[in-house]
Amino acid sequence: MRNKLNRAFGLLALLTLCACMADMPRDDAAARLAPALDTSSSDLPSFGAPNPIRFSRSNQSLAEDFMALSFVLESGRQIPRISRFEGPITVALAPSAPPALEGELSRLLTRLRTEAGIAISATAYRTNSPAKITIEALPAERIAAAVPQAACFVVPNASTWQEFIRQRGRVTSDWASLTTRNRAAIFLPADASLQEMRDCLHEELGQALGPLNDLYDLTDSVFNDDNFHAVLTTTDMMFLRIFNDPSLQSGMGQADVAARLPAILGRINPTGGVVSSINLANRDNRAWSNAIGRALGPNMPEGQRLEHAQAALNIAQRSNMRDARLGFSYYALGRIALARDPDRAAAAFASAQDIYQRLPNTDVQRAHIAMQIGALALARGDMTAALLQSTTALPIARRSENAHLLASLSMLRATALEGLGRGSEAQRSRLEAYAWGRYGFADRSLMQIRLGEIANLAPNATQAARN
């Protein structure tokens, strides 16, 4: 299940920073800086052939993370045995899915075949003979009415929304009760941006084919509710390769799977070293998870969000966390404090960046933080610092296929270049921002608001626009 709350929280952070800058020029700069682009065009930019960031992992860490992902649900319930699809897997898009999603599905299926070794292919949608996995697009409000905390989700033993509704609450829809997977349905928001639909497709199809848990301490996986990663990573493909290895089968318990992991990993990741005893202890700190969940949750006054974010940070520090959860605690605090206290936010972002720099496989996290640090630099008129942050982070945003971040960083870079008097470079970066914005945002007005607000962060934005 992909958490929608973090996505909304991420979108609003810079807008609230703009709102707190009382003397800042507003809409004129945004309107003047916007290029004359037809954002309603169906010709969206493409990331081309996949070129994922290659993460380095030891087999010991892969084994322990795999077990933690595979035998616990996101709710914390234990899973007594693994279940998976046995044999070739077919995937079908329901007629409600937008045409652009077909290309995204094709790219993903190619990666699953080549990187994860899964026998999976697309097939035509048929109601009388459904594919093993069906993907249906629905209005976001309809999804929220059924599962309020989810932007999208996957359910077992269903092929349509109607079938899911009929069997809700029954044992057939309980992942933990399965001994094998026969059918699954993925529900995506039809009225979201192409990026959000694609991100949902990656995470939900990944869970349909593999582990069902999310772990906040993973730095290199979409199976993490921090939503830093947009698409399945090379580590995720390794998890899926393990999950679907011929040495495993549906119905195996924790001990049987753990006993087979050293040989599996030695074969598929020969440079990863040996696996000694696997620590099967529950890694979840429920108090921290609850606090961070409330900080990012819906319908919560900003002051209470800030209290919960600070509580999560306090728990992380008291618990001596030295993993990604500590970094994310600082990051969440910074995002929530941004509107009320930019100085406090800046300190939190600096702490988050320092922690992530000490952890392996955190290029993507640091790119997100660079966006925030760069925006704060822009707001105080430090164009050189804003340019450095955006230029450093842009290649990571591109390789991680995050159009939303790409657009935001490109506009940050454009505004910094404009402030430094490098107008032609600024215009090229601005055009790139609006191109990727069409992929990363749900509609033209939202894109213009978001990118225009970034342009308006610069104290001299209006003057720069008039030159």
Protein backbone atom coordinates (compact mmCIF):
# COMPACT_ATOMS: atom_id res chain seq x y z
CA MET A 1 0.00 0.00 0.00
CA ARG A 2 1.39 3.41 -0.94
CA ASN A 3 0.78 6.02 1.73
CA LYS A 4 -0.89 9.12 0.28
CA LEU A 5 -0.31 11.24 3.36
CA ASN A 6 3.42 11.63 2.90
CA ARG A 7 2.86 12.75 -0.68
CA ALA A 8 0.50 15.55 0.33
CA PHE A 9 2.86 16.54 3.13
CA GLY A 10 5.73 16.78 0.66
CA LEU A 11 3.78 18.90 -1.83
CA LEU A 12 2.74 21.54 0.69
CA ALA A 13 6.06 22.17 2.38
CA LEU A 14 7.54 24.71 -0.01
CA LEU A 15 4.17 26.37 -0.53
CA THR A 16 3.97 27.04 3.19
CA LEU A 17 7.50 28.42 3.13
CA CYS A 18 6.36 30.90 0.51
CA ALA A 19 3.35 31.83 2.61
CA CYS A 20 5.53 32.67 5.60
CA MET A 21 7.74 35.12 3.66
CA ALA A 22 5.65 38.23 4.30
CA ASP A 23 7.49 40.70 2.05
CA MET A 24 7.88 38.36 -0.89
CA PRO A 25 6.53 39.35 -4.34
CA ARG A 26 3.84 36.93 -5.42
CA ASP A 27 2.05 35.98 -8.62
CA ASP A 28 3.65 38.42 -11.07
CA ALA A 29 6.97 36.58 -11.03
CA ALA A 30 5.35 33.19 -11.41
CA ALA A 31 3.29 34.30 -14.38
CA ARG A 32 6.13 36.10 -16.13
CA LEU A 33 8.61 33.26 -15.64
CA ALA A 34 6.27 30.56 -16.96
CA PRO A 35 7.15 29.61 -20.55
CA ALA A 36 4.46 29.32 -23.20
CA LEU A 37 4.07 25.55 -22.99
CA ASP A 38 0.99 23.50 -23.78
CA THR A 39 0.87 21.46 -20.61
CA SER A 40 -2.31 19.72 -21.70
CA SER A 41 -0.48 17.93 -24.50
CA SER A 42 -0.44 14.15 -24.38
CA ASP A 43 3.23 14.17 -25.45
CA LEU A 44 4.77 13.75 -22.03
CA PRO A 45 8.53 13.48 -21.47
CA SER A 46 10.01 10.02 -21.03
CA PHE A 47 12.86 8.69 -18.93
CA GLY A 48 13.88 6.37 -21.76
CA ALA A 49 15.60 3.06 -21.10
CA PRO A 50 15.79 2.31 -17.36
CA ASN A 51 19.12 3.25 -15.80
CA PRO A 52 18.53 2.60 -12.09
CA ILE A 53 20.99 3.57 -9.39
CA ARG A 54 23.03 0.49 -8.48
CA PHE A 55 22.97 -0.08 -4.74
CA SER A 56 25.65 -2.15 -3.04
CA ARG A 57 24.42 -4.65 -0.43
CA SER A 58 25.91 -7.46 1.61
CA ASN A 59 24.09 -10.77 1.55
CA GLN A 60 23.79 -10.58 5.34
CA SER A 61 21.80 -7.34 5.17
CA LEU A 62 19.71 -8.61 2.25
CA ALA A 63 18.81 -11.77 4.16
CA GLU A 64 17.74 -9.95 7.32
CA ASP A 65 15.77 -7.30 5.43
CA PHE A 66 14.11 -9.94 3.29
CA MET A 67 12.89 -11.86 6.34
CA ALA A 68 11.60 -8.68 7.99
CA LEU A 69 9.72 -7.73 4.82
CA SER A 70 8.30 -11.17 4.09
CA PHE A 71 6.90 -12.38 7.41
CA VAL A 72 5.22 -9.25 8.79
CA LEU A 73 2.38 -7.11 7.40
CA GLU A 74 2.49 -3.31 7.43
CA SER A 75 0.07 -3.41 10.36
CA GLY A 76 2.61 -5.39 12.40
CA ARG A 77 0.74 -8.71 12.16
CA GLN A 78 2.90 -11.77 11.70
CA ILE A 79 2.65 -13.82 8.49
CA PRO A 80 3.02 -17.53 9.30
CA ARG A 81 4.08 -18.59 5.80
CA ILE A 82 5.01 -17.01 2.50
CA SER A 83 2.59 -17.03 -0.40
CA ARG A 84 3.37 -16.21 -4.01
CA PHE A 85 2.20 -16.79 -7.55
CA GLU A 86 3.44 -20.11 -8.87
CA GLY A 87 4.19 -20.34 -12.59
CA PRO A 88 3.96 -17.65 -15.29
CA ILE A 89 2.10 -14.48 -14.29
CA THR A 90 -0.18 -12.42 -16.52
CA VAL A 91 -1.05 -8.76 -15.93
CA ALA A 92 -3.96 -6.84 -17.49
CA LEU A 93 -4.94 -3.17 -17.49
CA ALA A 94 -8.66 -2.56 -17.07
CA PRO A 95 -10.26 -0.19 -19.63
CA SER A 96 -10.37 2.55 -16.98
CA ALA A 97 -6.57 2.88 -17.01
CA PRO A 98 -5.23 5.87 -19.01
CA PRO A 99 -3.33 4.98 -22.21
CA ALA A 100 -0.05 6.40 -20.86
CA LEU A 101 -0.04 3.76 -18.14
CA GLU A 102 0.38 1.02 -20.75
CA GLY A 103 3.86 2.28 -21.58
CA GLU A 104 4.80 2.48 -17.91
CA LEU A 105 3.58 -1.08 -17.36
CA SER A 106 5.58 -2.32 -20.34
CA ARG A 107 8.79 -0.72 -19.00
CA LEU A 108 8.19 -2.22 -15.57
CA LEU A 109 7.45 -5.72 -16.86
CA THR A 110 10.68 -5.64 -18.86
CA ARG A 111 12.61 -4.79 -15.70
CA LEU A 112 10.85 -7.54 -13.72
CA ARG A 113 11.80 -10.11 -16.34
CA THR A 114 15.40 -9.00 -16.76
CA GLU A 115 16.33 -7.88 -13.22
CA ALA A 116 14.12 -10.09 -11.03
CA GLY A 117 13.91 -13.12 -13.33
CA ILE A 118 10.10 -13.30 -13.07
CA ALA A 119 8.08 -14.92 -15.86
CA ILE A 120 5.55 -12.11 -16.26
CA SER A 121 3.77 -10.66 -19.28
CA ALA A 122 0.91 -8.35 -20.22
CA THR A 123 -2.34 -9.77 -21.52
CA ALA A 124 -5.67 -8.41 -22.72
CA TYR A 125 -8.32 -7.52 -20.15
CA ARG A 126 -11.10 -10.12 -20.03
CA THR A 127 -13.85 -10.29 -17.42
CA ASN A 128 -14.62 -13.95 -18.09
CA SER A 129 -10.98 -15.06 -17.94
CA PRO A 130 -9.12 -12.55 -15.77
CA ALA A 131 -5.37 -12.17 -15.66
CA LYS A 132 -3.60 -13.21 -12.50
CA ILE A 133 -3.07 -9.53 -11.70
CA THR A 134 -5.53 -6.85 -12.81
CA ILE A 135 -4.84 -3.11 -12.60
CA GLU A 136 -7.85 -0.81 -12.33
CA ALA A 137 -7.89 3.00 -12.18
CA LEU A 138 -10.55 4.70 -10.06
CA PRO A 139 -11.26 8.23 -8.80
CA ALA A 140 -9.06 9.01 -5.80
CA GLU A 141 -12.14 9.84 -3.72
CA ARG A 142 -13.47 6.34 -4.25
CA ILE A 143 -10.19 4.79 -3.12
CA ALA A 144 -10.07 7.09 -0.09
CA ALA A 145 -13.60 6.14 0.91
CA ALA A 146 -12.57 2.48 1.06
CA VAL A 147 -9.04 2.83 2.46
CA PRO A 148 -8.58 6.39 3.79
CA GLN A 149 -4.83 6.22 4.39
CA ALA A 150 -3.95 4.81 0.95
CA ALA A 151 -3.16 6.50 -2.33
CA CYS A 152 -3.40 3.04 -3.92
CA PHE A 153 -3.38 -0.57 -2.77
CA VAL A 154 -3.36 -4.23 -3.81
CA VAL A 155 -5.73 -6.96 -2.59
CA PRO A 156 -5.64 -10.75 -3.05
CA ASN A 157 -8.30 -12.97 -4.62
CA ALA A 158 -10.02 -10.20 -6.58
CA SER A 159 -9.97 -8.93 -10.15
CA THR A 160 -12.40 -5.99 -9.96
CA TRP A 161 -13.41 -3.25 -7.55
CA GLN A 162 -16.83 -4.80 -7.14
CA GLU A 163 -15.28 -8.13 -6.18
CA PHE A 164 -13.03 -6.41 -3.65
CA ILE A 165 -16.00 -4.63 -2.05
CA ARG A 166 -18.03 -7.84 -1.85
CA GLN A 167 -15.34 -9.81 -0.04
CA ARG A 168 -13.96 -7.14 2.29
CA GLY A 169 -13.41 -8.54 5.76
CA ARG A 170 -13.46 -12.14 4.60
CA VAL A 171 -10.56 -14.51 5.09
CA THR A 172 -10.03 -14.63 1.31
CA SER A 173 -8.94 -10.98 1.35
CA ASP A 174 -6.48 -11.47 4.21
CA TRP A 175 -2.88 -11.68 2.98
CA ALA A 176 -1.73 -13.42 6.17
CA SER A 177 -4.15 -16.31 5.62
CA LEU A 178 -2.96 -17.15 2.10
CA THR A 179 -0.99 -20.27 1.30
CA THR A 180 -0.59 -19.31 -2.36
CA ARG A 181 -1.48 -16.33 -4.54
CA ASN A 182 -3.90 -16.97 -7.39
CA ARG A 183 -5.27 -13.55 -8.28
CA ALA A 184 -4.71 -9.96 -7.18
CA ALA A 185 -6.19 -6.56 -8.02
CA ILE A 186 -4.32 -3.26 -7.92
CA PHE A 187 -6.30 -0.04 -7.57
CA LEU A 188 -4.70 3.24 -8.70
CA PRO A 189 -6.00 6.85 -8.66
CA ALA A 190 -7.22 7.69 -12.18
CA ASP A 191 -7.20 11.44 -11.52
CA ALA A 192 -3.60 11.61 -10.26
CA SER A 193 -0.50 12.63 -12.18
CA LEU A 194 1.17 10.08 -14.40
CA GLN A 195 4.04 9.96 -11.90
CA GLU A 196 1.76 9.09 -8.98
CA MET A 197 0.02 6.38 -11.02
CA ARG A 198 3.40 4.98 -12.07
CA ASP A 199 4.78 5.12 -8.52
CA CYS A 200 1.69 3.28 -7.30
CA LEU A 201 2.08 0.73 -10.08
CA HIS A 202 5.66 -0.03 -9.04
CA GLU A 203 5.00 -0.40 -5.32
CA GLU A 204 1.71 -2.31 -5.59
CA LEU A 205 2.90 -4.68 -8.31
CA GLY A 206 6.06 -5.21 -6.27
CA GLN A 207 3.96 -6.23 -3.27
CA ALA A 208 1.67 -8.40 -5.39
CA LEU A 209 4.78 -10.31 -6.50
CA GLY A 210 6.79 -10.22 -3.30
CA PRO A 211 7.04 -9.01 0.30
CA LEU A 212 4.10 -7.25 1.94
CA ASN A 213 5.77 -5.15 4.63
CA ASP A 214 7.31 -1.66 4.63
CA LEU A 215 10.37 -0.81 6.73
CA TYR A 216 11.31 2.78 7.57
CA ASP A 217 14.96 1.82 8.11
CA LEU A 218 15.53 0.74 4.49
CA THR A 219 17.43 3.37 2.51
CA ASP A 220 17.33 1.77 -0.94
CA SER A 221 13.79 0.45 -1.38
CA VAL A 222 10.24 1.51 -2.22
CA PHE A 223 9.14 -0.82 0.57
CA ASN A 224 9.42 2.12 2.94
CA ASP A 225 6.66 4.58 3.85
CA ASP A 226 9.02 7.56 3.59
CA ASN A 227 8.25 7.59 -0.16
CA PHE A 228 11.72 8.85 -1.09
CA HIS A 229 12.00 6.28 -3.87
CA ALA A 230 9.57 6.59 -6.77
CA VAL A 231 10.19 3.32 -8.63
CA LEU A 232 11.38 -0.17 -7.76
CA THR A 233 15.10 -0.06 -7.04
CA THR A 234 17.82 -2.59 -7.82
CA THR A 235 17.55 -3.73 -4.20
CA ASP A 236 13.81 -4.26 -4.63
CA MET A 237 14.49 -6.33 -7.73
CA MET A 238 16.87 -8.43 -5.64
CA PHE A 239 14.15 -8.96 -3.02
CA LEU A 240 11.73 -10.01 -5.77
CA ARG A 241 14.32 -12.35 -7.28
CA ILE A 242 14.76 -14.02 -3.89
CA PHE A 243 11.01 -14.21 -3.26
CA ASN A 244 10.42 -15.96 -6.58
CA ASP A 245 13.50 -18.19 -6.52
CA PRO A 246 12.84 -21.85 -7.45
CA SER A 247 14.28 -22.94 -4.10
CA LEU A 248 11.31 -21.38 -2.32
CA GLN A 249 7.64 -22.18 -2.66
CA SER A 250 4.31 -21.07 -1.30
CA GLY A 251 3.52 -22.32 2.19
CA MET A 252 7.07 -22.25 3.55
CA GLY A 253 7.49 -20.97 7.09
CA GLN A 254 10.11 -18.64 8.49
CA ALA A 255 12.62 -21.34 9.44
CA ASP A 256 12.47 -23.06 6.05
CA VAL A 257 12.97 -19.80 4.16
CA ALA A 258 15.80 -18.65 6.43
CA ALA A 259 17.60 -21.97 5.94
CA ARG A 260 17.56 -21.54 2.15
CA LEU A 261 18.58 -17.89 1.97
CA PRO A 262 22.39 -18.33 2.23
CA ALA A 263 22.48 -20.61 -0.81
CA ILE A 264 20.06 -18.43 -2.80
CA LEU A 265 22.01 -15.26 -2.10
CA GLY A 266 25.34 -16.93 -2.77
CA ARG A 267 24.03 -17.85 -6.21
CA ILE A 268 22.30 -14.61 -7.25
CA ASN A 269 24.64 -12.14 -5.50
CA PRO A 270 28.05 -13.87 -5.44
CA THR A 271 29.94 -10.71 -4.45
CA GLY A 272 27.74 -10.14 -1.39
CA GLY A 273 29.68 -12.35 1.00
CA VAL A 274 28.45 -15.11 3.28
CA VAL A 275 25.32 -15.13 5.42
CA SER A 276 25.85 -16.09 9.05
CA SER A 277 22.99 -16.47 11.50
CA ILE A 278 19.99 -14.31 10.52
CA ASN A 279 18.60 -11.99 13.18
CA LEU A 280 14.82 -12.54 13.11
CA ALA A 281 13.97 -10.08 15.90
CA ASN A 282 11.18 -7.58 15.22
CA ARG A 283 12.86 -4.30 14.24
CA ASP A 284 9.76 -2.13 14.42
CA ASN A 285 9.65 0.52 17.14
CA ARG A 286 5.88 0.92 17.34
CA ALA A 287 6.03 4.10 19.45
CA TRP A 288 8.23 5.78 16.82
CA SER A 289 6.10 4.50 13.92
CA ASN A 290 2.94 5.80 15.58
CA ALA A 291 4.47 9.21 16.25
CA ILE A 292 5.79 9.65 12.71
CA GLY A 293 2.48 8.40 11.31
CA ARG A 294 0.55 10.98 13.31
CA ALA A 295 2.98 13.72 12.26
CA LEU A 296 2.26 12.97 8.60
CA GLY A 297 -1.40 12.02 9.04
CA PRO A 298 -4.52 13.73 7.66
CA ASN A 299 -6.80 16.27 9.31
CA MET A 300 -4.26 17.24 11.93
CA PRO A 301 -3.61 20.86 12.99
CA GLU A 302 -0.12 22.02 12.11
CA GLY A 303 0.83 22.56 15.73
CA GLN A 304 -0.04 18.98 16.60
CA ARG A 305 1.89 17.70 13.58
CA LEU A 306 4.92 19.53 14.87
CA GLU A 307 4.49 18.02 18.33
CA HIS A 308 4.28 14.50 16.90
CA ALA A 309 7.31 15.10 14.65
CA GLN A 310 9.32 16.27 17.66
CA ALA A 311 8.07 13.25 19.62
CA ALA A 312 9.26 10.92 16.84
CA LEU A 313 12.68 12.56 16.91
CA ASN A 314 12.84 12.26 20.70
CA ILE A 315 11.97 8.55 20.52
CA ALA A 316 14.61 7.97 17.84
CA GLN A 317 17.24 9.66 19.97
CA ARG A 318 16.26 7.89 23.19
CA SER A 319 16.19 4.54 21.39
CA ASN A 320 19.70 5.18 20.05
CA MET A 321 18.54 4.80 16.46
CA ARG A 322 21.41 5.31 14.05
CA ASP A 323 19.63 4.25 10.89
CA ALA A 324 17.40 5.98 8.36
CA ARG A 325 14.64 6.48 10.92
CA LEU A 326 16.71 9.11 12.72
CA GLY A 327 17.38 10.91 9.44
CA PHE A 328 13.73 10.77 8.48
CA SER A 329 12.72 12.09 11.91
CA TYR A 330 14.81 15.20 11.30
CA TYR A 331 13.56 15.48 7.72
CA ALA A 332 9.89 15.27 8.76
CA LEU A 333 10.47 17.83 11.51
CA GLY A 334 12.06 20.18 8.99
CA ARG A 335 9.22 19.86 6.51
CA ILE A 336 6.56 20.50 9.14
CA ALA A 337 8.45 23.35 10.86
CA LEU A 338 9.08 25.14 7.56
CA ALA A 339 5.98 27.35 7.67
CA ARG A 340 6.36 28.50 11.27
CA ASP A 341 10.09 28.49 11.86
CA PRO A 342 12.42 28.38 8.82
CA ASP A 343 15.50 28.51 11.06
CA ARG A 344 14.37 25.42 12.96
CA ALA A 345 13.61 23.73 9.65
CA ALA A 346 17.05 24.59 8.28
CA ALA A 347 18.74 23.07 11.33
CA ALA A 348 16.62 19.92 11.02
CA PHE A 349 17.45 19.55 7.32
CA ALA A 350 21.16 19.98 8.05
CA SER A 351 20.98 17.25 10.69
CA ALA A 352 19.07 14.96 8.33
CA GLN A 353 21.62 15.53 5.57
CA ASP A 354 24.49 14.78 7.95
CA ILE A 355 22.89 11.50 9.07
CA TYR A 356 22.08 10.34 5.54
CA GLN A 357 25.62 11.15 4.40
CA ARG A 358 26.91 8.65 6.96
CA LEU A 359 24.53 5.91 5.80
CA PRO A 360 25.03 3.81 2.64
CA ASN A 361 22.77 4.04 -0.40
CA THR A 362 21.21 7.42 0.43
CA ASP A 363 21.77 9.47 -2.73
CA VAL A 364 18.02 9.79 -3.28
CA GLN A 365 17.30 10.97 0.27
CA ARG A 366 20.06 13.55 0.02
CA ALA A 367 18.64 14.84 -3.27
CA HIS A 368 15.28 15.46 -1.59
CA ILE A 369 16.96 17.28 1.28
CA ALA A 370 19.06 19.31 -1.16
CA MET A 371 15.80 20.61 -2.63
CA GLN A 372 14.77 21.91 0.79
CA ILE A 373 18.18 23.37 1.66
CA GLY A 374 18.37 24.99 -1.77
CA ALA A 375 14.90 26.51 -1.40
CA LEU A 376 15.86 28.05 1.93
CA ALA A 377 19.04 29.43 0.35
CA LEU A 378 16.98 30.92 -2.47
CA ALA A 379 14.61 32.57 0.02
CA ARG A 380 17.50 34.32 1.77
CA GLY A 381 19.00 35.44 -1.54
CA ASP A 382 21.97 33.06 -1.65
CA MET A 383 21.78 32.18 -5.33
CA THR A 384 25.16 30.44 -5.40
CA ALA A 385 24.16 28.00 -2.66
CA ALA A 386 20.78 27.36 -4.30
CA LEU A 387 22.50 26.66 -7.62
CA LEU A 388 24.96 24.25 -6.01
CA GLN A 389 22.24 22.28 -4.21
CA SER A 390 20.01 21.97 -7.28
CA THR A 391 22.80 21.15 -9.73
CA THR A 392 24.17 18.42 -7.45
CA ALA A 393 20.77 16.80 -6.90
CA LEU A 394 19.42 16.89 -10.47
CA PRO A 395 21.28 13.80 -11.81
CA ILE A 396 20.02 11.73 -8.88
CA ALA A 397 16.44 12.88 -9.45
CA ARG A 398 16.74 11.88 -13.10
CA ARG A 399 18.20 8.42 -12.44
CA SER A 400 15.62 7.73 -9.75
CA GLU A 401 12.92 8.75 -12.27
CA ASN A 402 11.27 11.32 -10.02
CA ALA A 403 9.71 13.89 -12.36
CA HIS A 404 8.15 15.80 -9.47
CA LEU A 405 11.56 16.32 -7.89
CA LEU A 406 13.17 16.95 -11.29
CA ALA A 407 10.70 19.74 -12.05
CA SER A 408 11.15 21.35 -8.64
CA LEU A 409 14.95 21.19 -8.76
CA SER A 410 14.99 22.53 -12.32
CA MET A 411 12.88 25.53 -11.31
CA LEU A 412 15.10 26.08 -8.28
CA ARG A 413 18.13 26.02 -10.55
CA ALA A 414 16.47 28.33 -13.09
CA THR A 415 15.63 30.90 -10.44
CA ALA A 416 19.15 30.80 -9.01
CA LEU A 417 20.66 31.21 -12.47
CA GLU A 418 18.34 34.14 -13.16
CA GLY A 419 19.48 35.80 -9.95
CA LEU A 420 23.11 35.32 -11.01
CA GLY A 421 22.47 37.02 -14.35
CA ARG A 422 22.73 33.84 -16.44
CA GLY A 423 19.46 34.32 -18.28
CA SER A 424 19.85 31.92 -21.21
CA GLU A 425 20.83 29.03 -18.92
CA ALA A 426 17.93 29.92 -16.65
CA GLN A 427 15.47 29.73 -19.53
CA ARG A 428 16.69 26.27 -20.54
CA SER A 429 16.32 25.02 -16.99
CA ARG A 430 12.88 26.64 -16.72
CA LEU A 431 11.71 24.87 -19.87
CA GLU A 432 12.91 21.57 -18.42
CA ALA A 433 11.04 22.28 -15.19
CA TYR A 434 7.75 22.79 -17.00
CA ALA A 435 8.31 19.76 -19.23
CA TRP A 436 8.84 17.42 -16.28
CA GLY A 437 6.10 19.18 -14.36
CA ARG A 438 3.58 17.91 -16.88
CA TYR A 439 4.59 14.36 -15.91
CA GLY A 440 4.92 14.96 -12.18
CA PHE A 441 1.79 17.00 -11.41
CA ALA A 442 -1.86 16.10 -11.78
CA ASP A 443 -2.91 19.18 -13.77
CA ARG A 444 -1.60 22.39 -15.28
CA SER A 445 -2.83 24.70 -12.52
CA LEU A 446 -1.19 22.66 -9.77
CA MET A 447 2.06 22.56 -11.72
CA GLN A 448 2.04 26.32 -12.25
CA ILE A 449 1.32 26.96 -8.58
CA ARG A 450 4.11 24.67 -7.42
CA LEU A 451 6.76 25.87 -9.86
CA GLY A 452 5.64 29.48 -9.64
CA GLU A 453 5.97 29.42 -5.87
CA ILE A 454 9.53 28.15 -6.17
CA ALA A 455 10.30 31.02 -8.54
CA ASN A 456 8.73 33.44 -6.06
CA LEU A 457 11.05 32.30 -3.27
CA ALA A 458 13.79 34.59 -4.58
CA PRO A 459 13.57 38.03 -2.91
CA ASN A 460 14.13 39.74 -6.28
CA ALA A 461 11.83 37.43 -8.26
CA THR A 462 9.63 40.19 -9.65
CA GLN A 463 12.56 42.34 -10.76
CA ALA A 464 14.25 39.34 -12.40
CA ALA A 465 11.06 38.54 -14.29
CA ARG A 466 10.84 42.09 -15.67
CA ASN A 467 14.41 42.14 -17.00
